[in-house]
């Protein structure tokens, strides 16, 4: 890439493209992380709720 390194305008355009793609990849990752965190929190709260109900009412009550 000797020619590209010597062309400041082309190098600047390449760096802008790389930066833009990097930002988009990070944004996509963050959206996925937030959704996964939300789903994990909801699942954990559901398990906690089930455990409390089982402790208070016992397994037999839930089967009725």
PDB file of N, CA and C in Angstrom:
ATOM      1  N   UNK A   1       0.834  -1.191   0.000  1.00  0.00           N
ATOM      2  CA  UNK A   1       0.000   0.000   0.000  1.00  0.00           C
ATOM      3  C   UNK A   1       0.873   1.248   0.000  1.00  0.00           C
ATOM      4  N   UNK A   2       1.952   1.162  -0.660  1.00  0.00           N
ATOM      5  CA  UNK A   2       2.882   2.274  -0.689  1.00  0.00           C
ATOM      6  C   UNK A   2       2.258   3.518  -1.315  1.00  0.00           C
ATOM      7  N   UNK A   3       1.503   3.343  -2.412  1.00  0.00           N
ATOM      8  CA  UNK A   3       0.902   4.489  -3.086  1.00  0.00           C
ATOM      9  C   UNK A   3      -0.165   5.144  -2.219  1.00  0.00           C
ATOM     10  N   UNK A   4      -0.959   4.353  -1.529  1.00  0.00           N
ATOM     11  CA  UNK A   4      -2.011   4.897  -0.679  1.00  0.00           C
ATOM     12  C   UNK A   4      -1.406   5.705   0.466  1.00  0.00           C
ATOM     13  N   UNK A   5      -0.329   5.205   1.043  1.00  0.00           N
ATOM     14  CA  UNK A   5       0.312   5.921   2.147  1.00  0.00           C
ATOM     15  C   UNK A   5       0.861   7.274   1.716  1.00  0.00           C
ATOM     16  N   UNK A   6       1.175   7.413   0.468  1.00  0.00           N
ATOM     17  CA  UNK A   6       1.729   8.672  -0.039  1.00  0.00           C
ATOM     18  C   UNK A   6       0.638   9.645  -0.468  1.00  0.00           C
ATOM     19  N   UNK A   7      -0.601   9.211  -0.522  1.00  0.00           N
ATOM     20  CA  UNK A   7      -1.708  10.060  -0.940  1.00  0.00           C
ATOM     21  C   UNK A   7      -2.523  10.423   0.296  1.00  0.00           C
ATOM     22  N   UNK A   8      -2.351  11.644   0.777  1.00  0.00           N
ATOM     23  CA  UNK A   8      -2.985  12.079   2.022  1.00  0.00           C
ATOM     24  C   UNK A   8      -4.507  12.057   1.917  1.00  0.00           C
ATOM     25  N   UNK A   9      -5.047  12.456   0.784  1.00  0.00           N
ATOM     26  CA  UNK A   9      -6.496  12.491   0.619  1.00  0.00           C
ATOM     27  C   UNK A   9      -7.084  11.071   0.646  1.00  0.00           C
ATOM     28  N   UNK A  10      -6.448  10.140  -0.044  1.00  0.00           N
ATOM     29  CA  UNK A  10      -6.921   8.763  -0.050  1.00  0.00           C
ATOM     30  C   UNK A  10      -6.775   8.131   1.331  1.00  0.00           C
ATOM     31  N   UNK A  11      -5.680   8.414   1.999  1.00  0.00           N
ATOM     32  CA  UNK A  11      -5.455   7.878   3.341  1.00  0.00           C
ATOM     33  C   UNK A  11      -6.490   8.427   4.322  1.00  0.00           C
ATOM     34  N   UNK A  12      -6.822   9.701   4.193  1.00  0.00           N
ATOM     35  CA  UNK A  12      -7.835  10.317   5.051  1.00  0.00           C
ATOM     36  C   UNK A  12      -9.201   9.688   4.799  1.00  0.00           C
ATOM     37  N   UNK A  13      -9.542   9.449   3.522  1.00  0.00           N
ATOM     38  CA  UNK A  13     -10.816   8.817   3.193  1.00  0.00           C
ATOM     39  C   UNK A  13     -10.874   7.399   3.766  1.00  0.00           C
ATOM     40  N   UNK A  14      -9.775   6.651   3.643  1.00  0.00           N
ATOM     41  CA  UNK A  14      -9.714   5.301   4.189  1.00  0.00           C
ATOM     42  C   UNK A  14      -9.898   5.310   5.703  1.00  0.00           C
ATOM     43  N   UNK A  15      -9.245   6.217   6.380  1.00  0.00           N
ATOM     44  CA  UNK A  15      -9.368   6.306   7.842  1.00  0.00           C
ATOM     45  C   UNK A  15     -10.791   6.671   8.255  1.00  0.00           C
ATOM     46  N   UNK A  16     -11.439   7.548   7.474  1.00  0.00           N
ATOM     47  CA  UNK A  16     -12.826   7.917   7.773  1.00  0.00           C
ATOM     48  C   UNK A  16     -13.765   6.726   7.603  1.00  0.00           C
ATOM     49  N   UNK A  17     -13.552   5.937   6.557  1.00  0.00           N
ATOM     50  CA  UNK A  17     -14.379   4.751   6.322  1.00  0.00           C
ATOM     51  C   UNK A  17     -14.194   3.741   7.443  1.00  0.00           C
ATOM     52  N   UNK A  18     -12.952   3.511   7.825  1.00  0.00           N
ATOM     53  CA  UNK A  18     -12.667   2.558   8.905  1.00  0.00           C
ATOM     54  C   UNK A  18     -13.289   3.023  10.210  1.00  0.00           C
ATOM     55  N   UNK A  19     -13.179   4.302  10.505  1.00  0.00           N
ATOM     56  CA  UNK A  19     -13.752   4.860  11.728  1.00  0.00           C
ATOM     57  C   UNK A  19     -15.275   4.736  11.724  1.00  0.00           C
ATOM     58  N   UNK A  20     -15.881   5.026  10.580  1.00  0.00           N
ATOM     59  CA  UNK A  20     -17.333   4.937  10.460  1.00  0.00           C
ATOM     60  C   UNK A  20     -17.818   3.504  10.664  1.00  0.00           C
ATOM     61  N   UNK A  21     -17.144   2.553  10.053  1.00  0.00           N
ATOM     62  CA  UNK A  21     -17.514   1.152  10.217  1.00  0.00           C
ATOM     63  C   UNK A  21     -17.326   0.702  11.664  1.00  0.00           C
ATOM     64  N   UNK A  22     -16.234   1.138  12.271  1.00  0.00           N
ATOM     65  CA  UNK A  22     -15.960   0.775  13.657  1.00  0.00           C
ATOM     66  C   UNK A  22     -17.072   1.289  14.568  1.00  0.00           C
ATOM     67  N   UNK A  23     -17.514   2.529  14.339  1.00  0.00           N
ATOM     68  CA  UNK A  23     -18.591   3.102  15.148  1.00  0.00           C
ATOM     69  C   UNK A  23     -19.893   2.329  14.960  1.00  0.00           C
ATOM     70  N   UNK A  24     -20.180   1.909  13.737  1.00  0.00           N
ATOM     71  CA  UNK A  24     -21.410   1.159  13.481  1.00  0.00           C
ATOM     72  C   UNK A  24     -21.357  -0.223  14.128  1.00  0.00           C
ATOM     73  N   UNK A  25     -20.216  -0.864  14.077  1.00  0.00           N
ATOM     74  CA  UNK A  25     -20.065  -2.171  14.712  1.00  0.00           C
ATOM     75  C   UNK A  25     -20.253  -2.045  16.228  1.00  0.00           C
ATOM     76  N   UNK A  26     -19.679  -1.014  16.812  1.00  0.00           N
ATOM     77  CA  UNK A  26     -19.840  -0.795  18.256  1.00  0.00           C
ATOM     78  C   UNK A  26     -21.290  -0.515  18.611  1.00  0.00           C
ATOM     79  N   UNK A  27     -21.989   0.255  17.779  1.00  0.00           N
ATOM     80  CA  UNK A  27     -23.402   0.555  18.043  1.00  0.00           C
ATOM     81  C   UNK A  27     -24.239  -0.718  17.980  1.00  0.00           C
ATOM     82  N   UNK A  28     -23.977  -1.572  16.995  1.00  0.00           N
ATOM     83  CA  UNK A  28     -24.702  -2.836  16.880  1.00  0.00           C
ATOM     84  C   UNK A  28     -24.414  -3.723  18.087  1.00  0.00           C
ATOM     85  N   UNK A  29     -23.166  -3.796  18.493  1.00  0.00           N
ATOM     86  CA  UNK A  29     -22.792  -4.597  19.669  1.00  0.00           C
ATOM     87  C   UNK A  29     -23.525  -4.083  20.909  1.00  0.00           C
ATOM     88  N   UNK A  30     -23.542  -2.770  21.087  1.00  0.00           N
ATOM     89  CA  UNK A  30     -24.197  -2.188  22.262  1.00  0.00           C
ATOM     90  C   UNK A  30     -25.690  -2.468  22.274  1.00  0.00           C
ATOM     91  N   UNK A  31     -26.347  -2.422  21.102  1.00  0.00           N
ATOM     92  CA  UNK A  31     -27.773  -2.737  21.038  1.00  0.00           C
ATOM     93  C   UNK A  31     -28.005  -4.187  21.448  1.00  0.00           C
ATOM     94  N   UNK A  32     -27.186  -5.083  20.952  1.00  0.00           N
ATOM     95  CA  UNK A  32     -27.312  -6.495  21.307  1.00  0.00           C
ATOM     96  C   UNK A  32     -27.051  -6.728  22.782  1.00  0.00           C
ATOM     97  N   UNK A  33     -26.073  -6.024  23.326  1.00  0.00           N
ATOM     98  CA  UNK A  33     -25.746  -6.170  24.747  1.00  0.00           C
ATOM     99  C   UNK A  33     -26.924  -5.724  25.602  1.00  0.00           C
ATOM    100  N   UNK A  34     -27.517  -4.579  25.246  1.00  0.00           N
ATOM    101  CA  UNK A  34     -28.654  -4.070  26.027  1.00  0.00           C
ATOM    102  C   UNK A  34     -29.831  -5.037  25.970  1.00  0.00           C
ATOM    103  N   UNK A  35     -30.117  -5.570  24.791  1.00  0.00           N
ATOM    104  CA  UNK A  35     -31.227  -6.527  24.666  1.00  0.00           C
ATOM    105  C   UNK A  35     -30.940  -7.789  25.488  1.00  0.00           C
ATOM    106  N   UNK A  36     -29.714  -8.290  25.417  1.00  0.00           N
ATOM    107  CA  UNK A  36     -29.336  -9.473  26.181  1.00  0.00           C
ATOM    108  C   UNK A  36     -29.407  -9.228  27.671  1.00  0.00           C
ATOM    109  N   UNK A  37     -28.985  -8.049  28.096  1.00  0.00           N
ATOM    110  CA  UNK A  37     -29.037  -7.687  29.514  1.00  0.00           C
ATOM    111  C   UNK A  37     -30.484  -7.619  29.979  1.00  0.00           C
ATOM    112  N   UNK A  38     -31.336  -7.010  29.161  1.00  0.00           N
ATOM    113  CA  UNK A  38     -32.753  -6.899  29.500  1.00  0.00           C
ATOM    114  C   UNK A  38     -33.380  -8.288  29.608  1.00  0.00           C
ATOM    115  N   UNK A  39     -33.123  -9.144  28.624  1.00  0.00           N
ATOM    116  CA  UNK A  39     -33.668 -10.507  28.648  1.00  0.00           C
ATOM    117  C   UNK A  39     -33.152 -11.281  29.850  1.00  0.00           C
ATOM    118  N   UNK A  40     -31.882 -11.151  30.151  1.00  0.00           N
ATOM    119  CA  UNK A  40     -31.297 -11.852  31.297  1.00  0.00           C
ATOM    120  C   UNK A  40     -31.894 -11.395  32.609  1.00  0.00           C
ATOM    121  N   UNK A  41     -32.126 -10.095  32.735  1.00  0.00           N
ATOM    122  CA  UNK A  41     -32.725  -9.548  33.954  1.00  0.00           C
ATOM    123  C   UNK A  41     -34.150 -10.066  34.122  1.00  0.00           C
ATOM    124  N   UNK A  42     -34.912 -10.060  33.037  1.00  0.00           N
ATOM    125  CA  UNK A  42     -36.286 -10.552  33.114  1.00  0.00           C
ATOM    126  C   UNK A  42     -36.319 -12.035  33.477  1.00  0.00           C
ATOM    127  N   UNK A  43     -35.420 -12.811  32.897  1.00  0.00           N
ATOM    128  CA  UNK A  43     -35.365 -14.240  33.196  1.00  0.00           C
ATOM    129  C   UNK A  43     -34.984 -14.478  34.657  1.00  0.00           C
ATOM    130  N   UNK A  44     -34.020 -13.723  35.152  1.00  0.00           N
ATOM    131  CA  UNK A  44     -33.603 -13.875  36.547  1.00  0.00           C
ATOM    132  C   UNK A  44     -34.737 -13.496  37.501  1.00  0.00           C
ATOM    133  N   UNK A  45     -35.443 -12.416  37.203  1.00  0.00           N
ATOM    134  CA  UNK A  45     -36.556 -12.013  38.061  1.00  0.00           C
ATOM    135  C   UNK A  45     -37.668 -13.055  38.051  1.00  0.00           C
ATOM    136  N   UNK A  46     -37.917 -13.656  36.896  1.00  0.00           N
ATOM    137  CA  UNK A  46     -38.932 -14.713  36.808  1.00  0.00           C
ATOM    138  C   UNK A  46     -38.531 -15.917  37.654  1.00  0.00           C
ATOM    139  N   UNK A  47     -37.274 -16.297  37.615  1.00  0.00           N
ATOM    140  CA  UNK A  47     -36.798 -17.422  38.432  1.00  0.00           C
ATOM    141  C   UNK A  47     -36.900 -17.106  39.919  1.00  0.00           C
ATOM    142  N   UNK A  48     -36.556 -15.880  40.294  1.00  0.00           N
ATOM    143  CA  UNK A  48     -36.658 -15.468  41.703  1.00  0.00           C
ATOM    144  C   UNK A  48     -38.110 -15.536  42.149  1.00  0.00           C
ATOM    145  N   UNK A  49     -39.005 -15.031  41.305  1.00  0.00           N
ATOM    146  CA  UNK A  49     -40.434 -15.061  41.627  1.00  0.00           C
ATOM    147  C   UNK A  49     -40.918 -16.495  41.817  1.00  0.00           C
ATOM    148  N   UNK A  50     -40.534 -17.396  40.902  1.00  0.00           N
ATOM    149  CA  UNK A  50     -40.929 -18.795  41.020  1.00  0.00           C
ATOM    150  C   UNK A  50     -40.394 -19.427  42.293  1.00  0.00           C
ATOM    151  N   UNK A  51     -39.172 -19.102  42.646  1.00  0.00           N
ATOM    152  CA  UNK A  51     -38.576 -19.668  43.858  1.00  0.00           C
ATOM    153  C   UNK A  51     -39.322 -19.185  45.104  1.00  0.00           C
ATOM    154  N   UNK A  52     -39.662 -17.914  45.128  1.00  0.00           N
ATOM    155  CA  UNK A  52     -40.395 -17.369  46.284  1.00  0.00           C
ATOM    156  C   UNK A  52     -41.768 -18.008  46.378  1.00  0.00           C
ATOM    157  N   UNK A  53     -42.459 -18.128  45.251  1.00  0.00           N
ATOM    158  CA  UNK A  53     -43.790 -18.743  45.258  1.00  0.00           C
ATOM    159  C   UNK A  53     -43.693 -20.188  45.725  1.00  0.00           C
ATOM    160  N   UNK A  54     -42.682 -20.911  45.270  1.00  0.00           N
ATOM    161  CA  UNK A  54     -42.498 -22.303  45.703  1.00  0.00           C
ATOM    162  C   UNK A  54     -42.223 -22.389  47.193  1.00  0.00           C
ATOM    163  N   UNK A  55     -41.443 -21.453  47.729  1.00  0.00           N
ATOM    164  CA  UNK A  55     -41.144 -21.475  49.162  1.00  0.00           C
ATOM    165  C   UNK A  55     -42.375 -21.131  49.991  1.00  0.00           C
ATOM    166  N   UNK A  56     -43.184 -20.209  49.518  1.00  0.00           N
ATOM    167  CA  UNK A  56     -44.351 -19.765  50.284  1.00  0.00           C
ATOM    168  C   UNK A  56     -45.494 -20.758  50.172  1.00  0.00           C
ATOM    169  N   UNK A  57     -45.796 -21.216  48.976  1.00  0.00           N
ATOM    170  CA  UNK A  57     -46.963 -22.048  48.757  1.00  0.00           C
ATOM    171  C   UNK A  57     -46.633 -23.533  48.598  1.00  0.00           C
ATOM    172  N   UNK A  58     -45.369 -23.842  48.352  1.00  0.00           N
ATOM    173  CA  UNK A  58     -44.973 -25.223  48.153  1.00  0.00           C
ATOM    174  C   UNK A  58     -45.291 -25.699  46.742  1.00  0.00           C
ATOM    175  N   UNK A  59     -44.664 -26.784  46.330  1.00  0.00           N
ATOM    176  CA  UNK A  59     -44.820 -27.305  44.967  1.00  0.00           C
ATOM    177  C   UNK A  59     -46.231 -27.828  44.726  1.00  0.00           C
ATOM    178  N   UNK A  60     -46.886 -28.388  45.749  1.00  0.00           N
ATOM    179  CA  UNK A  60     -48.211 -28.985  45.583  1.00  0.00           C
ATOM    180  C   UNK A  60     -49.239 -27.929  45.189  1.00  0.00           C
ATOM    181  N   UNK A  61     -49.152 -26.764  45.766  1.00  0.00           N
ATOM    182  CA  UNK A  61     -50.111 -25.707  45.475  1.00  0.00           C
ATOM    183  C   UNK A  61     -50.038 -25.261  44.014  1.00  0.00           C
ATOM    184  N   UNK A  62     -48.843 -25.281  43.418  1.00  0.00           N
ATOM    185  CA  UNK A  62     -48.685 -24.822  42.055  1.00  0.00           C
ATOM    186  C   UNK A  62     -49.280 -25.802  41.051  1.00  0.00           C
ATOM    187  N   UNK A  63     -49.378 -27.071  41.402  1.00  0.00           N
ATOM    188  CA  UNK A  63     -49.897 -28.067  40.486  1.00  0.00           C
ATOM    189  C   UNK A  63     -51.413 -28.041  40.393  1.00  0.00           C
ATOM    190  N   UNK A  64     -52.093 -27.435  41.354  1.00  0.00           N
ATOM    191  CA  UNK A  64     -53.574 -27.400  41.383  1.00  0.00           C
ATOM    192  C   UNK A  64     -54.134 -26.434  40.397  1.00  0.00           C
TER     193      UNK A  64
END
